[in-house]
């Protein structure tokens, strides 16, 4: 009698082993840092790799989107400021006369 998984999980035609955990207390970023440290310190065979996925990926994606939105808002504010420095601009079409 052989012992093995009851089902084989595949992602992109690659066999994967899923290890899941729930945080009882603490912050997600701290838990991810600890998990990544453990992964970095673990000697895996060359054919294996380990990654942290799930909510941490969602959090990183949200932060990237937030950074992009912030950069876009700052750029837009700078553009409006520079536009207001010019005496006559395209916005004059909406006013009766230039400032």
Protein backbone atom coordinates (compact mmCIF):
# COMPACT_ATOMS: atom_id res chain seq x y z
CA UNK A 1 0.00 0.00 0.00
CA UNK A 2 1.49 3.35 -1.03
CA UNK A 3 1.05 6.62 0.76
CA UNK A 4 0.54 9.78 -1.27
CA UNK A 5 -1.71 12.75 -1.78
CA UNK A 6 -5.41 12.15 -2.28
CA UNK A 7 -5.31 14.55 -5.21
CA UNK A 8 -2.60 16.14 -7.32
CA UNK A 9 -2.80 19.91 -7.65
CA UNK A 10 -1.40 21.50 -10.78
CA UNK A 11 -0.76 25.13 -11.68
CA UNK A 12 0.24 25.75 -15.28
CA UNK A 13 0.82 22.00 -15.79
CA UNK A 14 3.28 21.99 -12.87
CA UNK A 15 2.63 19.84 -9.82
CA UNK A 16 2.34 21.94 -6.67
CA UNK A 17 2.06 21.26 -2.97
CA UNK A 18 -0.06 23.79 -1.12
CA UNK A 19 0.69 24.74 2.46
CA UNK A 20 -1.85 27.06 4.00
CA UNK A 21 -1.98 28.97 7.25
CA UNK A 22 -4.22 31.44 9.03
CA UNK A 23 -2.97 34.31 11.16
CA UNK A 24 -4.32 34.15 14.69
CA UNK A 25 -2.69 37.48 15.56
CA UNK A 26 -0.12 39.80 14.09
CA UNK A 27 0.21 41.60 10.79
CA UNK A 28 0.19 40.05 7.35
CA UNK A 29 3.38 41.78 6.21
CA UNK A 30 5.26 40.52 9.28
CA UNK A 31 4.05 36.95 8.69
CA UNK A 32 5.05 37.15 5.03
CA UNK A 33 8.51 38.42 6.03
CA UNK A 34 8.96 35.48 8.41
CA UNK A 35 7.71 33.00 5.81
CA UNK A 36 10.07 34.44 3.17
CA UNK A 37 12.97 34.24 5.64
CA UNK A 38 12.21 30.56 6.30
CA UNK A 39 11.99 29.91 2.54
CA UNK A 40 15.32 31.69 1.95
CA UNK A 41 17.05 29.68 4.70
CA UNK A 42 15.67 26.35 3.46
CA UNK A 43 17.84 24.33 1.08
CA UNK A 44 15.51 23.08 -1.65
CA UNK A 45 16.51 20.77 -4.49
CA UNK A 46 17.07 22.57 -7.79
CA UNK A 47 13.83 21.20 -9.22
CA UNK A 48 11.73 22.75 -6.41
CA UNK A 49 10.79 26.32 -5.63
CA UNK A 50 8.73 27.96 -2.91
CA UNK A 51 6.68 31.16 -3.01
CA UNK A 52 4.27 32.96 -0.71
CA UNK A 53 0.93 33.62 -2.41
CA UNK A 54 -2.62 34.51 -1.47
CA UNK A 55 -3.50 37.65 0.44
CA UNK A 56 0.12 38.84 0.35
CA UNK A 57 -0.02 38.98 -3.46
CA UNK A 58 -3.29 40.90 -3.27
CA UNK A 59 -1.74 43.30 -0.75
CA UNK A 60 1.32 43.89 -2.96
CA UNK A 61 -0.89 44.46 -6.00
CA UNK A 62 -3.01 46.94 -4.05
CA UNK A 63 0.08 48.84 -2.91
CA UNK A 64 1.40 49.01 -6.48
CA UNK A 65 -1.95 50.37 -7.65
CA UNK A 66 -1.96 52.89 -4.81
CA UNK A 67 1.56 54.04 -5.69
CA UNK A 68 0.57 54.45 -9.34
CA UNK A 69 -2.55 56.44 -8.39
CA UNK A 70 -0.53 58.68 -6.08
CA UNK A 71 2.10 59.33 -8.76
CA UNK A 72 -0.64 60.08 -11.28
CA UNK A 73 -2.37 62.49 -8.86
CA UNK A 74 0.89 64.32 -8.11
CA UNK A 75 1.69 64.56 -11.82
CA UNK A 76 -1.79 65.90 -12.52
CA UNK A 77 -1.46 68.51 -9.75
CA UNK A 78 1.91 69.63 -11.10
CA UNK A 79 0.44 69.87 -14.60
CA UNK A 80 -2.44 72.00 -13.32
CA UNK A 81 -0.05 74.21 -11.36
CA UNK A 82 2.16 74.76 -14.42
CA UNK A 83 -0.94 75.43 -16.48
CA UNK A 84 -2.06 78.09 -14.02
CA UNK A 85 1.32 79.84 -14.33
CA UNK A 86 0.77 80.61 -17.99
CA UNK A 87 -1.14 83.83 -18.73
CA UNK A 88 -3.41 82.38 -21.35
CA UNK A 89 -4.21 78.73 -21.62
CA UNK A 90 -6.65 76.33 -23.15
CA UNK A 91 -8.90 76.74 -20.13
CA UNK A 92 -9.57 80.34 -21.26
CA UNK A 93 -12.20 78.94 -23.56
CA UNK A 94 -14.37 78.47 -20.49
CA UNK A 95 -13.81 82.00 -19.18
CA UNK A 96 -14.85 85.32 -20.67
CA UNK A 97 -11.28 86.59 -20.66
CA UNK A 98 -7.78 85.54 -19.70
CA UNK A 99 -6.47 86.38 -16.29
